[in-house]
Amino acid sequence: MDIQGISITLHEPSEGAVDEFNHPVISYSDSTVENVLVGEPSTQDITDTYNLFGKRVAYLLAIPKGDAHNWVNAKVTLPAPFEGTYRTIGYPTAGIEENIPLKWNKKVKIERMGEYEQDEN
């Protein structure tokens, strides 16, 4: 039996022009990432992230080897049963691909976005 992940939509941020106050205008480009595992965070993950960033981890994503997307300050849309829009927290943690036996080597923490945050961009 082979472990198989789900397809998610990643909204990668990119800075383009600047506004009238000289602040960067952030736009998002959408891409589909296949074979992503969604897992429950440990109590330690929840506590550490809350203490460091003031944010509550909803899920952990396991990203397949070879992925080159920008996961920092990105938005993620998950299908059912996790349905919703989430935002990444901090930087992804990654292991050395050759030393990890499975298909995934990167871990990303995400938090659930509120209704008002989803409409911003």
PDB file of N, CA and C in Angstrom:
ATOM      1  N   MET A   1       0.847  -1.181   0.000  1.00  0.00           N
ATOM      2  CA  MET A   1       0.000   0.000   0.000  1.00  0.00           C
ATOM      3  C   MET A   1       0.889   1.240   0.000  1.00  0.00           C
ATOM      4  N   ASP A   2       0.586   2.154  -0.885  1.00  0.00           N
ATOM      5  CA  ASP A   2       1.378   3.364  -1.057  1.00  0.00           C
ATOM      6  C   ASP A   2       0.650   4.551  -0.424  1.00  0.00           C
ATOM      7  N   ILE A   3       1.358   5.361   0.352  1.00  0.00           N
ATOM      8  CA  ILE A   3       0.777   6.561   0.941  1.00  0.00           C
ATOM      9  C   ILE A   3       0.613   7.593  -0.169  1.00  0.00           C
ATOM     10  N   GLN A   4      -0.554   8.220  -0.241  1.00  0.00           N
ATOM     11  CA  GLN A   4      -0.822   9.209  -1.277  1.00  0.00           C
ATOM     12  C   GLN A   4      -1.390  10.466  -0.634  1.00  0.00           C
ATOM     13  N   GLY A   5      -0.858  11.615  -1.018  1.00  0.00           N
ATOM     14  CA  GLY A   5      -1.322  12.892  -0.499  1.00  0.00           C
ATOM     15  C   GLY A   5      -2.442  13.470  -1.349  1.00  0.00           C
ATOM     16  N   ILE A   6      -2.805  14.707  -1.047  1.00  0.00           N
ATOM     17  CA  ILE A   6      -3.869  15.404  -1.772  1.00  0.00           C
ATOM     18  C   ILE A   6      -3.274  16.553  -2.590  1.00  0.00           C
ATOM     19  N   SER A   7      -4.086  17.094  -3.481  1.00  0.00           N
ATOM     20  CA  SER A   7      -3.687  18.270  -4.255  1.00  0.00           C
ATOM     21  C   SER A   7      -4.180  19.514  -3.530  1.00  0.00           C
ATOM     22  N   ILE A   8      -3.303  20.501  -3.380  1.00  0.00           N
ATOM     23  CA  ILE A   8      -3.675  21.752  -2.739  1.00  0.00           C
ATOM     24  C   ILE A   8      -3.357  22.904  -3.695  1.00  0.00           C
ATOM     25  N   THR A   9      -3.947  24.052  -3.428  1.00  0.00           N
ATOM     26  CA  THR A   9      -3.641  25.252  -4.201  1.00  0.00           C
ATOM     27  C   THR A   9      -2.776  26.156  -3.355  1.00  0.00           C
ATOM     28  N   LEU A  10      -1.609  26.512  -3.884  1.00  0.00           N
ATOM     29  CA  LEU A  10      -0.682  27.405  -3.207  1.00  0.00           C
ATOM     30  C   LEU A  10      -0.772  28.769  -3.870  1.00  0.00           C
ATOM     31  N   HIS A  11      -0.943  29.807  -3.059  1.00  0.00           N
ATOM     32  CA  HIS A  11      -0.987  31.190  -3.528  1.00  0.00           C
ATOM     33  C   HIS A  11       0.325  31.830  -3.104  1.00  0.00           C
ATOM     34  N   GLU A  12       1.310  31.843  -4.013  1.00  0.00           N
ATOM     35  CA  GLU A  12       2.643  32.360  -3.701  1.00  0.00           C
ATOM     36  C   GLU A  12       2.673  33.878  -3.794  1.00  0.00           C
ATOM     37  N   PRO A  13       3.237  34.527  -2.775  1.00  0.00           N
ATOM     38  CA  PRO A  13       3.313  35.991  -2.816  1.00  0.00           C
ATOM     39  C   PRO A  13       4.491  36.457  -3.666  1.00  0.00           C
ATOM     40  N   SER A  14       4.307  37.594  -4.305  1.00  0.00           N
ATOM     41  CA  SER A  14       5.410  38.237  -5.019  1.00  0.00           C
ATOM     42  C   SER A  14       5.188  39.745  -4.949  1.00  0.00           C
ATOM     43  N   GLU A  15       6.277  40.453  -4.717  1.00  0.00           N
ATOM     44  CA  GLU A  15       6.197  41.905  -4.640  1.00  0.00           C
ATOM     45  C   GLU A  15       6.391  42.479  -6.032  1.00  0.00           C
ATOM     46  N   GLY A  16       5.490  43.347  -6.401  1.00  0.00           N
ATOM     47  CA  GLY A  16       5.589  43.973  -7.712  1.00  0.00           C
ATOM     48  C   GLY A  16       5.891  45.445  -7.544  1.00  0.00           C
ATOM     49  N   ALA A  17       4.936  46.261  -7.886  1.00  0.00           N
ATOM     50  CA  ALA A  17       5.090  47.712  -7.806  1.00  0.00           C
ATOM     51  C   ALA A  17       4.973  48.187  -6.352  1.00  0.00           C
ATOM     52  N   VAL A  18       5.092  49.475  -6.169  1.00  0.00           N
ATOM     53  CA  VAL A  18       4.892  50.077  -4.854  1.00  0.00           C
ATOM     54  C   VAL A  18       3.705  51.027  -4.932  1.00  0.00           C
ATOM     55  N   ASP A  19       3.028  51.207  -3.792  1.00  0.00           N
ATOM     56  CA  ASP A  19       1.879  52.107  -3.773  1.00  0.00           C
ATOM     57  C   ASP A  19       2.335  53.548  -3.534  1.00  0.00           C
ATOM     58  N   GLU A  20       1.373  54.448  -3.373  1.00  0.00           N
ATOM     59  CA  GLU A  20       1.690  55.869  -3.208  1.00  0.00           C
ATOM     60  C   GLU A  20       2.426  56.173  -1.906  1.00  0.00           C
ATOM     61  N   PHE A  21       2.415  55.240  -0.966  1.00  0.00           N
ATOM     62  CA  PHE A  21       3.143  55.406   0.294  1.00  0.00           C
ATOM     63  C   PHE A  21       4.472  54.659   0.285  1.00  0.00           C
ATOM     64  N   ASN A  22       4.879  54.204  -0.893  1.00  0.00           N
ATOM     65  CA  ASN A  22       6.135  53.493  -1.099  1.00  0.00           C
ATOM     66  C   ASN A  22       6.191  52.132  -0.389  1.00  0.00           C
ATOM     67  N   HIS A  23       5.028  51.511  -0.202  1.00  0.00           N
ATOM     68  CA  HIS A  23       4.944  50.167   0.345  1.00  0.00           C
ATOM     69  C   HIS A  23       4.773  49.185  -0.811  1.00  0.00           C
ATOM     70  N   PRO A  24       5.400  48.020  -0.725  1.00  0.00           N
ATOM     71  CA  PRO A  24       5.259  47.058  -1.827  1.00  0.00           C
ATOM     72  C   PRO A  24       3.832  46.531  -1.943  1.00  0.00           C
ATOM     73  N   VAL A  25       3.386  46.373  -3.168  1.00  0.00           N
ATOM     74  CA  VAL A  25       2.074  45.793  -3.445  1.00  0.00           C
ATOM     75  C   VAL A  25       2.304  44.305  -3.685  1.00  0.00           C
ATOM     76  N   ILE A  26       1.662  43.471  -2.873  1.00  0.00           N
ATOM     77  CA  ILE A  26       1.862  42.028  -2.959  1.00  0.00           C
ATOM     78  C   ILE A  26       0.752  41.412  -3.803  1.00  0.00           C
ATOM     79  N   SER A  27       1.152  40.651  -4.799  1.00  0.00           N
ATOM     80  CA  SER A  27       0.193  39.912  -5.609  1.00  0.00           C
ATOM     81  C   SER A  27       0.473  38.423  -5.422  1.00  0.00           C
ATOM     82  N   TYR A  28      -0.527  37.613  -5.694  1.00  0.00           N
ATOM     83  CA  TYR A  28      -0.408  36.172  -5.485  1.00  0.00           C
ATOM     84  C   TYR A  28      -0.577  35.437  -6.807  1.00  0.00           C
ATOM     85  N   SER A  29       0.295  34.466  -7.028  1.00  0.00           N
ATOM     86  CA  SER A  29       0.153  33.598  -8.202  1.00  0.00           C
ATOM     87  C   SER A  29      -0.227  32.201  -7.712  1.00  0.00           C
ATOM     88  N   ASP A  30      -1.224  31.620  -8.354  1.00  0.00           N
ATOM     89  CA  ASP A  30      -1.748  30.321  -7.929  1.00  0.00           C
ATOM     90  C   ASP A  30      -1.056  29.182  -8.657  1.00  0.00           C
ATOM     91  N   SER A  31      -0.785  28.117  -7.911  1.00  0.00           N
ATOM     92  CA  SER A  31      -0.268  26.890  -8.502  1.00  0.00           C
ATOM     93  C   SER A  31      -0.776  25.704  -7.698  1.00  0.00           C
ATOM     94  N   THR A  32      -0.889  24.575  -8.348  1.00  0.00           N
ATOM     95  CA  THR A  32      -1.346  23.358  -7.695  1.00  0.00           C
ATOM     96  C   THR A  32      -0.131  22.536  -7.285  1.00  0.00           C
ATOM     97  N   VAL A  33      -0.134  22.079  -6.042  1.00  0.00           N
ATOM     98  CA  VAL A  33       0.929  21.217  -5.539  1.00  0.00           C
ATOM     99  C   VAL A  33       0.302  19.855  -5.262  1.00  0.00           C
ATOM    100  N   GLU A  34       0.831  18.839  -5.905  1.00  0.00           N
ATOM    101  CA  GLU A  34       0.301  17.481  -5.795  1.00  0.00           C
ATOM    102  C   GLU A  34       0.966  16.715  -4.656  1.00  0.00           C
ATOM    103  N   ASN A  35       0.273  15.710  -4.155  1.00  0.00           N
ATOM    104  CA  ASN A  35       0.813  14.742  -3.193  1.00  0.00           C
ATOM    105  C   ASN A  35       1.293  15.373  -1.884  1.00  0.00           C
ATOM    106  N   VAL A  36       0.478  16.255  -1.324  1.00  0.00           N
ATOM    107  CA  VAL A  36       0.796  16.908  -0.051  1.00  0.00           C
ATOM    108  C   VAL A  36       0.052  16.173   1.065  1.00  0.00           C
ATOM    109  N   LEU A  37       0.770  15.851   2.124  1.00  0.00           N
ATOM    110  CA  LEU A  37       0.140  15.235   3.291  1.00  0.00           C
ATOM    111  C   LEU A  37      -0.284  16.316   4.267  1.00  0.00           C
ATOM    112  N   VAL A  38      -1.450  16.146   4.880  1.00  0.00           N
ATOM    113  CA  VAL A  38      -1.954  17.084   5.885  1.00  0.00           C
ATOM    114  C   VAL A  38      -2.014  16.337   7.197  1.00  0.00           C
ATOM    115  N   GLY A  39      -1.382  16.900   8.214  1.00  0.00           N
ATOM    116  CA  GLY A  39      -1.343  16.228   9.507  1.00  0.00           C
ATOM    117  C   GLY A  39      -1.687  17.156  10.656  1.00  0.00           C
ATOM    118  N   GLU A  40      -1.941  16.545  11.776  1.00  0.00           N
ATOM    119  CA  GLU A  40      -2.270  17.272  12.992  1.00  0.00           C
ATOM    120  C   GLU A  40      -0.981  17.696  13.701  1.00  0.00           C
ATOM    121  N   PRO A  41      -0.908  18.948  14.155  1.00  0.00           N
ATOM    122  CA  PRO A  41       0.302  19.369  14.869  1.00  0.00           C
ATOM    123  C   PRO A  41       0.341  18.776  16.268  1.00  0.00           C
ATOM    124  N   SER A  42       1.555  18.618  16.771  1.00  0.00           N
ATOM    125  CA  SER A  42       1.703  18.128  18.142  1.00  0.00           C
ATOM    126  C   SER A  42       1.445  19.278  19.113  1.00  0.00           C
ATOM    127  N   THR A  43       1.233  18.954  20.360  1.00  0.00           N
ATOM    128  CA  THR A  43       1.047  19.974  21.389  1.00  0.00           C
ATOM    129  C   THR A  43       2.273  20.874  21.463  1.00  0.00           C
ATOM    130  N   GLN A  44       3.448  20.294  21.299  1.00  0.00           N
ATOM    131  CA  GLN A  44       4.691  21.064  21.318  1.00  0.00           C
ATOM    132  C   GLN A  44       4.739  22.054  20.152  1.00  0.00           C
ATOM    133  N   ASP A  45       4.323  21.629  18.950  1.00  0.00           N
ATOM    134  CA  ASP A  45       4.271  22.534  17.798  1.00  0.00           C
ATOM    135  C   ASP A  45       3.335  23.706  18.054  1.00  0.00           C
ATOM    136  N   ILE A  46       2.170  23.419  18.601  1.00  0.00           N
ATOM    137  CA  ILE A  46       1.177  24.460  18.881  1.00  0.00           C
ATOM    138  C   ILE A  46       1.725  25.452  19.895  1.00  0.00           C
ATOM    139  N   THR A  47       2.288  24.952  20.982  1.00  0.00           N
ATOM    140  CA  THR A  47       2.817  25.808  22.045  1.00  0.00           C
ATOM    141  C   THR A  47       3.989  26.646  21.561  1.00  0.00           C
ATOM    142  N   ASP A  48       4.949  26.032  20.889  1.00  0.00           N
ATOM    143  CA  ASP A  48       6.135  26.755  20.412  1.00  0.00           C
ATOM    144  C   ASP A  48       5.763  27.844  19.415  1.00  0.00           C
ATOM    145  N   THR A  49       4.890  27.526  18.475  1.00  0.00           N
ATOM    146  CA  THR A  49       4.496  28.507  17.464  1.00  0.00           C
ATOM    147  C   THR A  49       3.719  29.654  18.079  1.00  0.00           C
ATOM    148  N   TYR A  50       2.866  29.348  19.040  1.00  0.00           N
ATOM    149  CA  TYR A  50       2.119  30.413  19.703  1.00  0.00           C
ATOM    150  C   TYR A  50       3.065  31.321  20.484  1.00  0.00           C
ATOM    151  N   ASN A  51       4.030  30.732  21.175  1.00  0.00           N
ATOM    152  CA  ASN A  51       4.982  31.528  21.948  1.00  0.00           C
ATOM    153  C   ASN A  51       5.903  32.352  21.058  1.00  0.00           C
ATOM    154  N   LEU A  52       6.306  31.817  19.903  1.00  0.00           N
ATOM    155  CA  LEU A  52       7.225  32.528  19.014  1.00  0.00           C
ATOM    156  C   LEU A  52       6.532  33.546  18.110  1.00  0.00           C
ATOM    157  N   PHE A  53       5.391  33.176  17.544  1.00  0.00           N
ATOM    158  CA  PHE A  53       4.744  34.013  16.531  1.00  0.00           C
ATOM    159  C   PHE A  53       3.389  34.572  16.965  1.00  0.00           C
ATOM    160  N   GLY A  54       2.818  34.065  18.061  1.00  0.00           N
ATOM    161  CA  GLY A  54       1.493  34.501  18.474  1.00  0.00           C
ATOM    162  C   GLY A  54       0.395  33.947  17.578  1.00  0.00           C
ATOM    163  N   LYS A  55       0.662  32.828  16.905  1.00  0.00           N
ATOM    164  CA  LYS A  55      -0.305  32.227  15.984  1.00  0.00           C
ATOM    165  C   LYS A  55      -0.543  30.778  16.367  1.00  0.00           C
ATOM    166  N   ARG A  56      -1.756  30.281  16.067  1.00  0.00           N
ATOM    167  CA  ARG A  56      -2.110  28.905  16.406  1.00  0.00           C
ATOM    168  C   ARG A  56      -2.040  28.018  15.165  1.00  0.00           C
ATOM    169  N   VAL A  57      -1.229  26.993  15.241  1.00  0.00           N
ATOM    170  CA  VAL A  57      -1.077  26.056  14.131  1.00  0.00           C
ATOM    171  C   VAL A  57      -2.350  25.226  13.984  1.00  0.00           C
ATOM    172  N   ALA A  58      -2.897  25.185  12.768  1.00  0.00           N
ATOM    173  CA  ALA A  58      -4.077  24.358  12.499  1.00  0.00           C
ATOM    174  C   ALA A  58      -3.649  22.983  11.991  1.00  0.00           C
ATOM    175  N   TYR A  59      -2.713  22.964  11.023  1.00  0.00           N
ATOM    176  CA  TYR A  59      -2.237  21.712  10.435  1.00  0.00           C
ATOM    177  C   TYR A  59      -0.766  21.834  10.068  1.00  0.00           C
ATOM    178  N   LEU A  60      -0.152  20.685   9.864  1.00  0.00           N
ATOM    179  CA  LEU A  60       1.200  20.605   9.308  1.00  0.00           C
ATOM    180  C   LEU A  60       1.079  20.007   7.917  1.00  0.00           C
ATOM    181  N   LEU A  61       1.794  20.589   6.963  1.00  0.00           N
ATOM    182  CA  LEU A  61       1.807  20.056   5.610  1.00  0.00           C
ATOM    183  C   LEU A  61       3.153  19.399   5.352  1.00  0.00           C
ATOM    184  N   ALA A  62       3.139  18.196   4.786  1.00  0.00           N
ATOM    185  CA  ALA A  62       4.358  17.525   4.350  1.00  0.00           C
ATOM    186  C   ALA A  62       4.440  17.728   2.844  1.00  0.00           C
ATOM    187  N   ILE A  63       5.520  18.386   2.407  1.00  0.00           N
ATOM    188  CA  ILE A  63       5.685  18.776   1.010  1.00  0.00           C
ATOM    189  C   ILE A  63       6.600  17.771   0.310  1.00  0.00           C
ATOM    190  N   PRO A  64       6.250  17.351  -0.906  1.00  0.00           N
ATOM    191  CA  PRO A  64       7.058  16.350  -1.614  1.00  0.00           C
ATOM    192  C   PRO A  64       8.473  16.840  -1.933  1.00  0.00           C
ATOM    193  N   LYS A  65       9.374  15.895  -2.051  1.00  0.00           N
ATOM    194  CA  LYS A  65      10.755  16.195  -2.435  1.00  0.00           C
ATOM    195  C   LYS A  65      10.783  16.871  -3.798  1.00  0.00           C
ATOM    196  N   GLY A  66      11.738  17.767  -3.990  1.00  0.00           N
ATOM    197  CA  GLY A  66      11.894  18.443  -5.266  1.00  0.00           C
ATOM    198  C   GLY A  66      11.041  19.683  -5.436  1.00  0.00           C
ATOM    199  N   ASP A  67      10.213  20.008  -4.457  1.00  0.00           N
ATOM    200  CA  ASP A  67       9.347  21.184  -4.551  1.00  0.00           C
ATOM    201  C   ASP A  67      10.194  22.452  -4.426  1.00  0.00           C
ATOM    202  N   ALA A  68       9.960  23.415  -5.322  1.00  0.00           N
ATOM    203  CA  ALA A  68      10.741  24.652  -5.328  1.00  0.00           C
ATOM    204  C   ALA A  68       9.871  25.888  -5.103  1.00  0.00           C
ATOM    205  N   HIS A  69       8.657  25.716  -4.611  1.00  0.00           N
ATOM    206  CA  HIS A  69       7.762  26.847  -4.376  1.00  0.00           C
ATOM    207  C   HIS A  69       8.217  27.671  -3.170  1.00  0.00           C
ATOM    208  N   ASN A  70       7.769  28.931  -3.149  1.00  0.00           N
ATOM    209  CA  ASN A  70       8.030  29.817  -2.013  1.00  0.00           C
ATOM    210  C   ASN A  70       6.890  29.659  -1.007  1.00  0.00           C
ATOM    211  N   TRP A  71       7.178  29.083   0.147  1.00  0.00           N
ATOM    212  CA  TRP A  71       6.163  28.807   1.157  1.00  0.00           C
ATOM    213  C   TRP A  71       6.128  29.865   2.256  1.00  0.00           C
ATOM    214  N   VAL A  72       6.987  30.872   2.186  1.00  0.00           N
ATOM    215  CA  VAL A  72       7.047  31.909   3.217  1.00  0.00           C
ATOM    216  C   VAL A  72       5.972  32.964   2.942  1.00  0.00           C
ATOM    217  N   ASN A  73       5.138  33.248   3.943  1.00  0.00           N
ATOM    218  CA  ASN A  73       4.040  34.224   3.839  1.00  0.00           C
ATOM    219  C   ASN A  73       3.081  33.907   2.692  1.00  0.00           C
ATOM    220  N   ALA A  74       2.892  32.642   2.418  1.00  0.00           N
ATOM    221  CA  ALA A  74       1.999  32.216   1.343  1.00  0.00           C
ATOM    222  C   ALA A  74       0.624  31.855   1.910  1.00  0.00           C
ATOM    223  N   LYS A  75      -0.344  31.771   1.015  1.00  0.00           N
ATOM    224  CA  LYS A  75      -1.676  31.296   1.379  1.00  0.00           C
ATOM    225  C   LYS A  75      -1.876  29.930   0.745  1.00  0.00           C
ATOM    226  N   VAL A  76      -2.673  29.098   1.408  1.00  0.00           N
ATOM    227  CA  VAL A  76      -2.909  27.737   0.941  1.00  0.00           C
ATOM    228  C   VAL A  76      -4.411  27.462   1.006  1.00  0.00           C
ATOM    229  N   THR A  77      -4.962  26.900  -0.058  1.00  0.00           N
ATOM    230  CA  THR A  77      -6.363  26.490  -0.060  1.00  0.00           C
ATOM    231  C   THR A  77      -6.402  24.968  -0.069  1.00  0.00           C
ATOM    232  N   LEU A  78      -7.087  24.404   0.924  1.00  0.00           N
ATOM    233  CA  LEU A  78      -7.190  22.958   1.058  1.00  0.00           C
ATOM    234  C   LEU A  78      -8.588  22.487   0.669  1.00  0.00           C
ATOM    235  N   PRO A  79      -8.684  21.300   0.067  1.00  0.00           N
ATOM    236  CA  PRO A  79     -10.001  20.731  -0.257  1.00  0.00           C
ATOM    237  C   PRO A  79     -10.628  20.092   0.977  1.00  0.00           C
ATOM    238  N   ALA A  80     -11.863  19.613   0.834  1.00  0.00           N
ATOM    239  CA  ALA A  80     -12.553  18.899   1.918  1.00  0.00           C
ATOM    240  C   ALA A  80     -11.740  17.662   2.274  1.00  0.00           C
ATOM    241  N   PRO A  81     -11.689  17.244   3.480  1.00  0.00           N
ATOM    242  CA  PRO A  81     -12.424  17.674   4.663  1.00  0.00           C
ATOM    243  C   PRO A  81     -11.749  18.822   5.425  1.00  0.00           C
ATOM    244  N   PHE A  82     -10.629  19.340   4.936  1.00  0.00           N
ATOM    245  CA  PHE A  82      -9.915  20.427   5.615  1.00  0.00           C
ATOM    246  C   PHE A  82     -10.338  21.787   5.072  1.00  0.00           C
ATOM    247  N   GLU A  83     -11.284  21.798   4.196  1.00  0.00           N
ATOM    248  CA  GLU A  83     -11.719  22.922   3.387  1.00  0.00           C
ATOM    249  C   GLU A  83     -11.533  24.280   4.053  1.00  0.00           C
ATOM    250  N   GLY A  84     -10.846  25.162   3.341  1.00  0.00           N
ATOM    251  CA  GLY A  84     -10.646  26.518   3.819  1.00  0.00           C
ATOM    252  C   GLY A  84      -9.363  27.108   3.281  1.00  0.00           C
ATOM    253  N   THR A  85      -9.148  28.374   3.636  1.00  0.00           N
ATOM    254  CA  THR A  85      -7.930  29.065   3.254  1.00  0.00           C
ATOM    255  C   THR A  85      -7.072  29.248   4.494  1.00  0.00           C
ATOM    256  N   TYR A  86      -5.788  28.992   4.338  1.00  0.00           N
ATOM    257  CA  TYR A  86      -4.840  29.028   5.439  1.00  0.00           C
ATOM    258  C   TYR A  86      -3.648  29.892   5.049  1.00  0.00           C
ATOM    259  N   ARG A  87      -2.875  30.301   6.050  1.00  0.00           N
ATOM    260  CA  ARG A  87      -1.664  31.069   5.812  1.00  0.00           C
ATOM    261  C   ARG A  87      -0.497  30.327   6.452  1.00  0.00           C
ATOM    262  N   THR A  88       0.650  30.326   5.773  1.00  0.00           N
ATOM    263  CA  THR A  88       1.822  29.647   6.323  1.00  0.00           C
ATOM    264  C   THR A  88       2.400  30.453   7.477  1.00  0.00           C
ATOM    265  N   ILE A  89       3.046  29.753   8.387  1.00  0.00           N
ATOM    266  CA  ILE A  89       3.662  30.373   9.558  1.00  0.00           C
ATOM    267  C   ILE A  89       5.159  30.118   9.498  1.00  0.00           C
ATOM    268  N   GLY A  90       5.943  31.169   9.555  1.00  0.00           N
ATOM    269  CA  GLY A  90       7.395  31.023   9.604  1.00  0.00           C
ATOM    270  C   GLY A  90       7.967  30.426   8.333  1.00  0.00           C
ATOM    271  N   TYR A  91       9.121  29.804   8.493  1.00  0.00           N
ATOM    272  CA  TYR A  91       9.821  29.181   7.363  1.00  0.00           C
ATOM    273  C   TYR A  91       9.613  27.668   7.392  1.00  0.00           C
ATOM    274  N   PRO A  92       9.588  27.029   6.225  1.00  0.00           N
ATOM    275  CA  PRO A  92       9.485  25.575   6.189  1.00  0.00           C
ATOM    276  C   PRO A  92      10.743  24.935   6.781  1.00  0.00           C
ATOM    277  N   THR A  93      10.577  23.777   7.360  1.00  0.00           N
ATOM    278  CA  THR A  93      11.733  23.001   7.810  1.00  0.00           C
ATOM    279  C   THR A  93      11.911  21.859   6.818  1.00  0.00           C
ATOM    280  N   ALA A  94      13.172  21.609   6.466  1.00  0.00           N
ATOM    281  CA  ALA A  94      13.435  20.589   5.447  1.00  0.00           C
ATOM    282  C   ALA A  94      14.590  19.710   5.881  1.00  0.00           C
ATOM    283  N   GLY A  95      14.534  18.466   5.427  1.00  0.00           N
ATOM    284  CA  GLY A  95      15.614  17.525   5.661  1.00  0.00           C
ATOM    285  C   GLY A  95      16.378  17.289   4.365  1.00  0.00           C
ATOM    286  N   ILE A  96      17.465  16.576   4.457  1.00  0.00           N
ATOM    287  CA  ILE A  96      18.256  16.245   3.273  1.00  0.00           C
ATOM    288  C   ILE A  96      17.517  15.152   2.509  1.00  0.00           C
ATOM    289  N   GLU A  97      17.175  15.444   1.262  1.00  0.00           N
ATOM    290  CA  GLU A  97      16.342  14.537   0.467  1.00  0.00           C
ATOM    291  C   GLU A  97      16.877  13.118   0.413  1.00  0.00           C
ATOM    292  N   GLU A  98      18.181  12.970   0.229  1.00  0.00           N
ATOM    293  CA  GLU A  98      18.780  11.637   0.095  1.00  0.00           C
ATOM    294  C   GLU A  98      18.717  10.829   1.391  1.00  0.00           C
ATOM    295  N   ASN A  99      18.600  11.502   2.522  1.00  0.00           N
ATOM    296  CA  ASN A  99      18.603  10.812   3.815  1.00  0.00           C
ATOM    297  C   ASN A  99      17.206  10.480   4.330  1.00  0.00           C
ATOM    298  N   ILE A 100      16.181  10.891   3.620  1.00  0.00           N
ATOM    299  CA  ILE A 100      14.803  10.646   4.046  1.00  0.00           C
ATOM    300  C   ILE A 100      14.191   9.599   3.119  1.00  0.00           C
ATOM    301  N   PRO A 101      13.701   8.492   3.675  1.00  0.00           N
ATOM    302  CA  PRO A 101      13.251   7.375   2.843  1.00  0.00           C
ATOM    303  C   PRO A 101      11.927   7.585   2.108  1.00  0.00           C
ATOM    304  N   LEU A 102      11.056   8.432   2.591  1.00  0.00           N
ATOM    305  CA  LEU A 102       9.757   8.596   1.950  1.00  0.00           C
ATOM    306  C   LEU A 102       9.792   9.681   0.868  1.00  0.00           C
ATOM    307  N   LYS A 103       8.623  10.067   0.374  1.00  0.00           N
ATOM    308  CA  LYS A 103       8.519  11.021  -0.732  1.00  0.00           C
ATOM    309  C   LYS A 103       8.523  12.483  -0.272  1.00  0.00           C
ATOM    310  N   TRP A 104       8.484  12.735   1.029  1.00  0.00           N
ATOM    311  CA  TRP A 104       8.342  14.092   1.539  1.00  0.00           C
ATOM    312  C   TRP A 104       9.547  14.465   2.389  1.00  0.00           C
ATOM    313  N   ASN A 105      10.020  15.701   2.256  1.00  0.00           N
ATOM    314  CA  ASN A 105      11.177  16.112   3.049  1.00  0.00           C
ATOM    315  C   ASN A 105      11.027  17.503   3.662  1.00  0.00           C
ATOM    316  N   LYS A 106       9.894  18.156   3.430  1.00  0.00           N
ATOM    317  CA  LYS A 106       9.705  19.511   3.924  1.00  0.00           C
ATOM    318  C   LYS A 106       8.424  19.583   4.743  1.00  0.00           C
ATOM    319  N   LYS A 107       8.452  20.375   5.824  1.00  0.00           N
ATOM    320  CA  LYS A 107       7.292  20.511   6.695  1.00  0.00           C
ATOM    321  C   LYS A 107       6.934  21.996   6.807  1.00  0.00           C
ATOM    322  N   VAL A 108       5.647  22.320   6.587  1.00  0.00           N
ATOM    323  CA  VAL A 108       5.164  23.693   6.640  1.00  0.00           C
ATOM    324  C   VAL A 108       4.015  23.765   7.637  1.00  0.00           C
ATOM    325  N   LYS A 109       4.060  24.756   8.535  1.00  0.00           N
ATOM    326  CA  LYS A 109       2.977  24.982   9.488  1.00  0.00           C
ATOM    327  C   LYS A 109       2.007  25.994   8.893  1.00  0.00           C
ATOM    328  N   ILE A 110       0.697  25.744   9.077  1.00  0.00           N
ATOM    329  CA  ILE A 110      -0.307  26.674   8.563  1.00  0.00           C
ATOM    330  C   ILE A 110      -1.328  27.012   9.647  1.00  0.00           C
ATOM    331  N   GLU A 111      -1.883  28.222   9.540  1.00  0.00           N
ATOM    332  CA  GLU A 111      -2.952  28.664  10.432  1.00  0.00           C
ATOM    333  C   GLU A 111      -4.179  28.993   9.606  1.00  0.00           C
ATOM    334  N   ARG A 112      -5.351  28.835  10.205  1.00  0.00           N
ATOM    335  CA  ARG A 112      -6.607  29.136   9.506  1.00  0.00           C
ATOM    336  C   ARG A 112      -6.764  30.647   9.427  1.00  0.00           C
ATOM    337  N   MET A 113      -7.190  31.112   8.247  1.00  0.00           N
ATOM    338  CA  MET A 113      -7.432  32.543   8.053  1.00  0.00           C
ATOM    339  C   MET A 113      -8.882  32.855   8.357  1.00  0.00           C
ATOM    340  N   GLY A 114      -9.117  34.038   8.895  1.00  0.00           N
ATOM    341  CA  GLY A 114     -10.477  34.494   9.154  1.00  0.00           C
ATOM    342  C   GLY A 114     -11.148  34.949   7.874  1.00  0.00           C
ATOM    343  N   GLU A 115     -12.443  35.108   7.907  1.00  0.00           N
ATOM    344  CA  GLU A 115     -13.216  35.522   6.730  1.00  0.00           C
ATOM    345  C   GLU A 115     -12.726  36.854   6.178  1.00  0.00           C
ATOM    346  N   TYR A 116     -12.439  37.830   7.046  1.00  0.00           N
ATOM    347  CA  TYR A 116     -12.018  39.139   6.581  1.00  0.00           C
ATOM    348  C   TYR A 116     -10.648  39.107   5.926  1.00  0.00           C
ATOM    349  N   GLU A 117      -9.764  38.188   6.341  1.00  0.00           N
ATOM    350  CA  GLU A 117      -8.423  38.085   5.775  1.00  0.00           C
ATOM    351  C   GLU A 117      -8.447  37.484   4.380  1.00  0.00           C
ATOM    352  N   GLN A 118      -9.395  36.612   4.103  1.00  0.00           N
ATOM    353  CA  GLN A 118      -9.450  35.943   2.811  1.00  0.00           C
ATOM    354  C   GLN A 118      -9.815  36.907   1.696  1.00  0.00           C
ATOM    355  N   ASP A 119     -10.549  37.952   2.006  1.00  0.00           N
ATOM    356  CA  ASP A 119     -10.996  38.896   0.989  1.00  0.00           C
ATOM    357  C   ASP A 119      -9.993  40.004   0.705  1.00  0.00           C
ATOM    358  N   GLU A 120      -8.903  40.086   1.482  1.00  0.00           N
ATOM    359  CA  GLU A 120      -7.950  41.168   1.322  1.00  0.00           C
ATOM    360  C   GLU A 120      -7.283  41.153  -0.041  1.00  0.00           C
ATOM    361  N   ASN A 121      -6.864  39.974  -0.515  1.00  0.00           N
ATOM    362  CA  ASN A 121      -6.127  39.903  -1.788  1.00  0.00           C
ATOM    363  C   ASN A 121      -6.802  38.968  -2.734  1.00  0.00           C
TER     364      ASN A 121
END
